[in-house]
Amino acid sequence: MRAPSRNWHQAQTLGDRAARYLIAHGYTLPAIDTIVQIRGAVTSAGDFSHCLSQHGLALTEGTYLWELINIT
């Protein structure tokens, strides 16, 4: 079994569901860092999705990722 990657450790800061999604879709460490930074700076799904769309992510994917991060 392989040791968890730095990508996995960083993605885990967004929660298990979001981390699995990001790793399964091949997000790079810089992309994950950007998502973590934006998540810490916004308070709504709309703002989160809009900020990520400025980095090339589809609005609907940003909204879905927000939901994964905020599942309690």
PDB file of N, CA and C in Angstrom:
ATOM      1  N   MET A   1       0.841  -1.174   0.000  1.00  0.00           N
ATOM      2  CA  MET A   1       0.000   0.000   0.000  1.00  0.00           C
ATOM      3  C   MET A   1       0.888   1.239   0.000  1.00  0.00           C
ATOM      4  N   ARG A   2       0.515   2.216  -0.823  1.00  0.00           N
ATOM      5  CA  ARG A   2       1.297   3.448  -0.913  1.00  0.00           C
ATOM      6  C   ARG A   2       0.980   4.397   0.239  1.00  0.00           C
ATOM      7  N   ALA A   3       1.974   5.170   0.614  1.00  0.00           N
ATOM      8  CA  ALA A   3       1.757   6.198   1.629  1.00  0.00           C
ATOM      9  C   ALA A   3       0.896   7.315   1.034  1.00  0.00           C
ATOM     10  N   PRO A   4       0.067   7.954   1.854  1.00  0.00           N
ATOM     11  CA  PRO A   4      -0.747   9.060   1.349  1.00  0.00           C
ATOM     12  C   PRO A   4       0.136  10.171   0.778  1.00  0.00           C
ATOM     13  N   SER A   5      -0.311  10.739  -0.298  1.00  0.00           N
ATOM     14  CA  SER A   5       0.446  11.803  -0.953  1.00  0.00           C
ATOM     15  C   SER A   5       0.229  13.143  -0.257  1.00  0.00           C
ATOM     16  N   ARG A   6       1.069  14.107  -0.602  1.00  0.00           N
ATOM     17  CA  ARG A   6       0.886  15.469  -0.090  1.00  0.00           C
ATOM     18  C   ARG A   6      -0.455  16.012  -0.575  1.00  0.00           C
ATOM     19  N   ASN A   7      -0.847  15.631  -1.805  1.00  0.00           N
ATOM     20  CA  ASN A   7      -2.144  16.065  -2.328  1.00  0.00           C
ATOM     21  C   ASN A   7      -3.258  15.612  -1.396  1.00  0.00           C
ATOM     22  N   TRP A   8      -3.186  14.324  -0.986  1.00  0.00           N
ATOM     23  CA  TRP A   8      -4.213  13.772  -0.111  1.00  0.00           C
ATOM     24  C   TRP A   8      -4.252  14.509   1.224  1.00  0.00           C
ATOM     25  N   HIS A   9      -3.099  14.746   1.811  1.00  0.00           N
ATOM     26  CA  HIS A   9      -3.057  15.438   3.106  1.00  0.00           C
ATOM     27  C   HIS A   9      -3.644  16.838   3.001  1.00  0.00           C
ATOM     28  N   GLN A  10      -3.306  17.560   1.959  1.00  0.00           N
ATOM     29  CA  GLN A  10      -3.835  18.914   1.788  1.00  0.00           C
ATOM     30  C   GLN A  10      -5.334  18.860   1.503  1.00  0.00           C
ATOM     31  N   ALA A  11      -5.753  17.937   0.659  1.00  0.00           N
ATOM     32  CA  ALA A  11      -7.176  17.818   0.325  1.00  0.00           C
ATOM     33  C   ALA A  11      -8.001  17.460   1.559  1.00  0.00           C
ATOM     34  N   GLN A  12      -7.426  16.687   2.475  1.00  0.00           N
ATOM     35  CA  GLN A  12      -8.133  16.279   3.693  1.00  0.00           C
ATOM     36  C   GLN A  12      -8.582  17.469   4.530  1.00  0.00           C
ATOM     37  N   THR A  13      -7.924  18.611   4.375  1.00  0.00           N
ATOM     38  CA  THR A  13      -8.343  19.792   5.130  1.00  0.00           C
ATOM     39  C   THR A  13      -9.734  20.256   4.713  1.00  0.00           C
ATOM     40  N   LEU A  14     -10.213  19.758   3.567  1.00  0.00           N
ATOM     41  CA  LEU A  14     -11.553  20.094   3.080  1.00  0.00           C
ATOM     42  C   LEU A  14     -12.583  19.037   3.444  1.00  0.00           C
ATOM     43  N   GLY A  15     -12.143  17.995   4.135  1.00  0.00           N
ATOM     44  CA  GLY A  15     -13.034  16.908   4.511  1.00  0.00           C
ATOM     45  C   GLY A  15     -12.829  15.694   3.627  1.00  0.00           C
ATOM     46  N   ASP A  16     -13.250  14.553   4.139  1.00  0.00           N
ATOM     47  CA  ASP A  16     -13.002  13.284   3.465  1.00  0.00           C
ATOM     48  C   ASP A  16     -13.674  13.197   2.094  1.00  0.00           C
ATOM     49  N   ARG A  17     -14.938  13.603   2.004  1.00  0.00           N
ATOM     50  CA  ARG A  17     -15.651  13.500   0.721  1.00  0.00           C
ATOM     51  C   ARG A  17     -15.008  14.369  -0.347  1.00  0.00           C
ATOM     52  N   ALA A  18     -14.696  15.595   0.013  1.00  0.00           N
ATOM     53  CA  ALA A  18     -14.067  16.499  -0.952  1.00  0.00           C
ATOM     54  C   ALA A  18     -12.679  15.991  -1.334  1.00  0.00           C
ATOM     55  N   ALA A  19     -11.939  15.477  -0.360  1.00  0.00           N
ATOM     56  CA  ALA A  19     -10.598  14.960  -0.641  1.00  0.00           C
ATOM     57  C   ALA A  19     -10.664  13.804  -1.630  1.00  0.00           C
ATOM     58  N   ARG A  20     -11.585  12.888  -1.409  1.00  0.00           N
ATOM     59  CA  ARG A  20     -11.733  11.760  -2.333  1.00  0.00           C
ATOM     60  C   ARG A  20     -12.079  12.233  -3.741  1.00  0.00           C
ATOM     61  N   TYR A  21     -12.960  13.193  -3.821  1.00  0.00           N
ATOM     62  CA  TYR A  21     -13.354  13.743  -5.119  1.00  0.00           C
ATOM     63  C   TYR A  21     -12.150  14.360  -5.836  1.00  0.00           C
ATOM     64  N   LEU A  22     -11.423  15.208  -5.127  1.00  0.00           N
ATOM     65  CA  LEU A  22     -10.285  15.905  -5.738  1.00  0.00           C
ATOM     66  C   LEU A  22      -9.200  14.930  -6.185  1.00  0.00           C
ATOM     67  N   ILE A  23      -8.882  13.955  -5.351  1.00  0.00           N
ATOM     68  CA  ILE A  23      -7.849  12.980  -5.696  1.00  0.00           C
ATOM     69  C   ILE A  23      -8.316  12.101  -6.860  1.00  0.00           C
ATOM     70  N   ALA A  24      -9.562  11.661  -6.828  1.00  0.00           N
ATOM     71  CA  ALA A  24     -10.088  10.806  -7.907  1.00  0.00           C
ATOM     72  C   ALA A  24     -10.081  11.518  -9.253  1.00  0.00           C
ATOM     73  N   HIS A  25     -10.212  12.844  -9.220  1.00  0.00           N
ATOM     74  CA  HIS A  25     -10.233  13.614 -10.462  1.00  0.00           C
ATOM     75  C   HIS A  25      -8.870  14.195 -10.831  1.00  0.00           C
ATOM     76  N   GLY A  26      -7.845  13.821 -10.086  1.00  0.00           N
ATOM     77  CA  GLY A  26      -6.480  14.184 -10.464  1.00  0.00           C
ATOM     78  C   GLY A  26      -6.077  15.626 -10.219  1.00  0.00           C
ATOM     79  N   TYR A  27      -6.703  16.272  -9.243  1.00  0.00           N
ATOM     80  CA  TYR A  27      -6.324  17.652  -8.937  1.00  0.00           C
ATOM     81  C   TYR A  27      -4.890  17.706  -8.434  1.00  0.00           C
ATOM     82  N   THR A  28      -4.150  18.683  -8.877  1.00  0.00           N
ATOM     83  CA  THR A  28      -2.754  18.860  -8.478  1.00  0.00           C
ATOM     84  C   THR A  28      -2.679  19.572  -7.130  1.00  0.00           C
ATOM     85  N   LEU A  29      -1.518  19.514  -6.505  1.00  0.00           N
ATOM     86  CA  LEU A  29      -1.331  20.197  -5.223  1.00  0.00           C
ATOM     87  C   LEU A  29      -1.572  21.707  -5.347  1.00  0.00           C
ATOM     88  N   PRO A  30      -1.050  22.379  -6.392  1.00  0.00           N
ATOM     89  CA  PRO A  30      -1.354  23.810  -6.511  1.00  0.00           C
ATOM     90  C   PRO A  30      -2.860  24.091  -6.657  1.00  0.00           C
ATOM     91  N   ALA A  31      -3.572  23.232  -7.374  1.00  0.00           N
ATOM     92  CA  ALA A  31      -5.016  23.417  -7.522  1.00  0.00           C
ATOM     93  C   ALA A  31      -5.720  23.221  -6.179  1.00  0.00           C
ATOM     94  N   ILE A  32      -5.314  22.203  -5.437  1.00  0.00           N
ATOM     95  CA  ILE A  32      -5.902  21.957  -4.118  1.00  0.00           C
ATOM     96  C   ILE A  32      -5.593  23.125  -3.184  1.00  0.00           C
ATOM     97  N   ASP A  33      -4.378  23.634  -3.235  1.00  0.00           N
ATOM     98  CA  ASP A  33      -4.016  24.793  -2.412  1.00  0.00           C
ATOM     99  C   ASP A  33      -4.918  25.982  -2.717  1.00  0.00           C
ATOM    100  N   THR A  34      -5.197  26.206  -3.991  1.00  0.00           N
ATOM    101  CA  THR A  34      -6.076  27.313  -4.399  1.00  0.00           C
ATOM    102  C   THR A  34      -7.475  27.110  -3.846  1.00  0.00           C
ATOM    103  N   ILE A  35      -7.982  25.899  -3.932  1.00  0.00           N
ATOM    104  CA  ILE A  35      -9.321  25.598  -3.413  1.00  0.00           C
ATOM    105  C   ILE A  35      -9.372  25.821  -1.905  1.00  0.00           C
ATOM    106  N   VAL A  36      -8.354  25.361  -1.189  1.00  0.00           N
ATOM    107  CA  VAL A  36      -8.299  25.549   0.269  1.00  0.00           C
ATOM    108  C   VAL A  36      -8.265  27.037   0.600  1.00  0.00           C
ATOM    109  N   GLN A  37      -7.459  27.785  -0.122  1.00  0.00           N
ATOM    110  CA  GLN A  37      -7.350  29.233   0.127  1.00  0.00           C
ATOM    111  C   GLN A  37      -8.690  29.926  -0.117  1.00  0.00           C
ATOM    112  N   ILE A  38      -9.339  29.606  -1.216  1.00  0.00           N
ATOM    113  CA  ILE A  38     -10.627  30.236  -1.528  1.00  0.00           C
ATOM    114  C   ILE A  38     -11.676  29.830  -0.501  1.00  0.00           C
ATOM    115  N   ARG A  39     -11.676  28.559  -0.098  1.00  0.00           N
ATOM    116  CA  ARG A  39     -12.646  28.103   0.898  1.00  0.00           C
ATOM    117  C   ARG A  39     -12.509  28.886   2.198  1.00  0.00           C
ATOM    118  N   GLY A  40     -11.296  29.220   2.556  1.00  0.00           N
ATOM    119  CA  GLY A  40     -11.082  29.984   3.773  1.00  0.00           C
ATOM    120  C   GLY A  40     -11.455  31.454   3.668  1.00  0.00           C
ATOM    121  N   ALA A  41     -11.653  31.927   2.445  1.00  0.00           N
ATOM    122  CA  ALA A  41     -11.897  33.357   2.235  1.00  0.00           C
ATOM    123  C   ALA A  41     -13.352  33.708   1.936  1.00  0.00           C
ATOM    124  N   VAL A  42     -14.200  32.704   1.716  1.00  0.00           N
ATOM    125  CA  VAL A  42     -15.585  32.985   1.330  1.00  0.00           C
ATOM    126  C   VAL A  42     -16.559  32.335   2.304  1.00  0.00           C
ATOM    127  N   THR A  43     -17.826  32.768   2.230  1.00  0.00           N
ATOM    128  CA  THR A  43     -18.826  32.240   3.152  1.00  0.00           C
ATOM    129  C   THR A  43     -20.063  31.686   2.449  1.00  0.00           C
ATOM    130  N   SER A  44     -20.047  31.668   1.118  1.00  0.00           N
ATOM    131  CA  SER A  44     -21.223  31.168   0.410  1.00  0.00           C
ATOM    132  C   SER A  44     -20.822  30.324  -0.791  1.00  0.00           C
ATOM    133  N   ALA A  45     -21.742  29.462  -1.200  1.00  0.00           N
ATOM    134  CA  ALA A  45     -21.514  28.618  -2.370  1.00  0.00           C
ATOM    135  C   ALA A  45     -21.316  29.466  -3.621  1.00  0.00           C
ATOM    136  N   GLY A  46     -22.093  30.524  -3.742  1.00  0.00           N
ATOM    137  CA  GLY A  46     -21.979  31.393  -4.912  1.00  0.00           C
ATOM    138  C   GLY A  46     -20.612  32.039  -5.018  1.00  0.00           C
ATOM    139  N   ASP A  47     -20.124  32.579  -3.907  1.00  0.00           N
ATOM    140  CA  ASP A  47     -18.796  33.208  -3.919  1.00  0.00           C
ATOM    141  C   ASP A  47     -17.703  32.180  -4.194  1.00  0.00           C
ATOM    142  N   PHE A  48     -17.834  31.019  -3.571  1.00  0.00           N
ATOM    143  CA  PHE A  48     -16.857  29.943  -3.763  1.00  0.00           C
ATOM    144  C   PHE A  48     -16.798  29.544  -5.236  1.00  0.00           C
ATOM    145  N   SER A  49     -17.952  29.274  -5.816  1.00  0.00           N
ATOM    146  CA  SER A  49     -18.015  28.858  -7.216  1.00  0.00           C
ATOM    147  C   SER A  49     -17.499  29.941  -8.143  1.00  0.00           C
ATOM    148  N   HIS A  50     -17.873  31.180  -7.866  1.00  0.00           N
ATOM    149  CA  HIS A  50     -17.418  32.288  -8.713  1.00  0.00           C
ATOM    150  C   HIS A  50     -15.899  32.428  -8.656  1.00  0.00           C
ATOM    151  N   CYS A  51     -15.332  32.384  -7.468  1.00  0.00           N
ATOM    152  CA  CYS A  51     -13.869  32.513  -7.343  1.00  0.00           C
ATOM    153  C   CYS A  51     -13.156  31.374  -8.074  1.00  0.00           C
ATOM    154  N   LEU A  52     -13.659  30.150  -7.912  1.00  0.00           N
ATOM    155  CA  LEU A  52     -13.026  29.028  -8.598  1.00  0.00           C
ATOM    156  C   LEU A  52     -13.202  29.114 -10.107  1.00  0.00           C
ATOM    157  N   SER A  53     -14.311  29.704 -10.559  1.00  0.00           N
ATOM    158  CA  SER A  53     -14.517  29.847 -12.012  1.00  0.00           C
ATOM    159  C   SER A  53     -13.464  30.772 -12.625  1.00  0.00           C
ATOM    160  N   GLN A  54     -12.927  31.661 -11.818  1.00  0.00           N
ATOM    161  CA  GLN A  54     -11.858  32.540 -12.286  1.00  0.00           C
ATOM    162  C   GLN A  54     -10.563  31.764 -12.537  1.00  0.00           C
ATOM    163  N   HIS A  55     -10.518  30.538 -12.038  1.00  0.00           N
ATOM    164  CA  HIS A  55      -9.367  29.649 -12.240  1.00  0.00           C
ATOM    165  C   HIS A  55      -9.694  28.524 -13.220  1.00  0.00           C
ATOM    166  N   GLY A  56     -10.840  28.631 -13.889  1.00  0.00           N
ATOM    167  CA  GLY A  56     -11.188  27.680 -14.934  1.00  0.00           C
ATOM    168  C   GLY A  56     -12.146  26.564 -14.551  1.00  0.00           C
ATOM    169  N   LEU A  57     -12.625  26.547 -13.316  1.00  0.00           N
ATOM    170  CA  LEU A  57     -13.541  25.496 -12.882  1.00  0.00           C
ATOM    171  C   LEU A  57     -14.977  25.885 -13.254  1.00  0.00           C
ATOM    172  N   ALA A  58     -15.739  24.939 -13.749  1.00  0.00           N
ATOM    173  CA  ALA A  58     -17.137  25.192 -14.080  1.00  0.00           C
ATOM    174  C   ALA A  58     -17.908  25.579 -12.814  1.00  0.00           C
ATOM    175  N   LEU A  59     -18.839  26.524 -12.949  1.00  0.00           N
ATOM    176  CA  LEU A  59     -19.621  26.970 -11.802  1.00  0.00           C
ATOM    177  C   LEU A  59     -20.346  25.810 -11.122  1.00  0.00           C
ATOM    178  N   THR A  60     -20.913  24.914 -11.910  1.00  0.00           N
ATOM    179  CA  THR A  60     -21.647  23.796 -11.309  1.00  0.00           C
ATOM    180  C   THR A  60     -20.721  22.860 -10.539  1.00  0.00           C
ATOM    181  N   GLU A  61     -19.494  22.693 -11.016  1.00  0.00           N
ATOM    182  CA  GLU A  61     -18.539  21.855 -10.290  1.00  0.00           C
ATOM    183  C   GLU A  61     -18.126  22.529  -8.987  1.00  0.00           C
ATOM    184  N   GLY A  62     -17.968  23.830  -9.031  1.00  0.00           N
ATOM    185  CA  GLY A  62     -17.648  24.575  -7.814  1.00  0.00           C
ATOM    186  C   GLY A  62     -18.750  24.455  -6.774  1.00  0.00           C
ATOM    187  N   THR A  63     -19.986  24.531  -7.236  1.00  0.00           N
ATOM    188  CA  THR A  63     -21.123  24.384  -6.329  1.00  0.00           C
ATOM    189  C   THR A  63     -21.161  22.980  -5.734  1.00  0.00           C
ATOM    190  N   TYR A  64     -20.923  21.978  -6.566  1.00  0.00           N
ATOM    191  CA  TYR A  64     -20.893  20.593  -6.084  1.00  0.00           C
ATOM    192  C   TYR A  64     -19.774  20.401  -5.061  1.00  0.00           C
ATOM    193  N   LEU A  65     -18.604  20.941  -5.348  1.00  0.00           N
ATOM    194  CA  LEU A  65     -17.480  20.831  -4.420  1.00  0.00           C
ATOM    195  C   LEU A  65     -17.809  21.518  -3.097  1.00  0.00           C
ATOM    196  N   TRP A  66     -18.454  22.667  -3.153  1.00  0.00           N
ATOM    197  CA  TRP A  66     -18.891  23.368  -1.937  1.00  0.00           C
ATOM    198  C   TRP A  66     -19.776  22.451  -1.095  1.00  0.00           C
ATOM    199  N   GLU A  67     -20.708  21.769  -1.761  1.00  0.00           N
ATOM    200  CA  GLU A  67     -21.609  20.862  -1.036  1.00  0.00           C
ATOM    201  C   GLU A  67     -20.831  19.707  -0.400  1.00  0.00           C
ATOM    202  N   LEU A  68     -19.864  19.171  -1.116  1.00  0.00           N
ATOM    203  CA  LEU A  68     -19.040  18.089  -0.543  1.00  0.00           C
ATOM    204  C   LEU A  68     -18.280  18.575   0.682  1.00  0.00           C
ATOM    205  N   ILE A  69     -17.750  19.766   0.612  1.00  0.00           N
ATOM    206  CA  ILE A  69     -16.968  20.318   1.719  1.00  0.00           C
ATOM    207  C   ILE A  69     -17.863  20.571   2.945  1.00  0.00           C
ATOM    208  N   ASN A  70     -19.090  20.970   2.698  1.00  0.00           N
ATOM    209  CA  ASN A  70     -19.958  21.395   3.786  1.00  0.00           C
ATOM    210  C   ASN A  70     -20.970  20.365   4.261  1.00  0.00           C
ATOM    211  N   ILE A  71     -20.843  19.125   3.791  1.00  0.00           N
ATOM    212  CA  ILE A  71     -21.691  18.053   4.309  1.00  0.00           C
ATOM    213  C   ILE A  71     -21.311  17.815   5.771  1.00  0.00           C
ATOM    214  N   THR A  72     -22.312  17.783   6.609  1.00  0.00           N
ATOM    215  CA  THR A  72     -22.025  17.561   8.039  1.00  0.00           C
ATOM    216  C   THR A  72     -22.481  16.202   8.497  1.00  0.00           C
TER     217      THR A  72
END
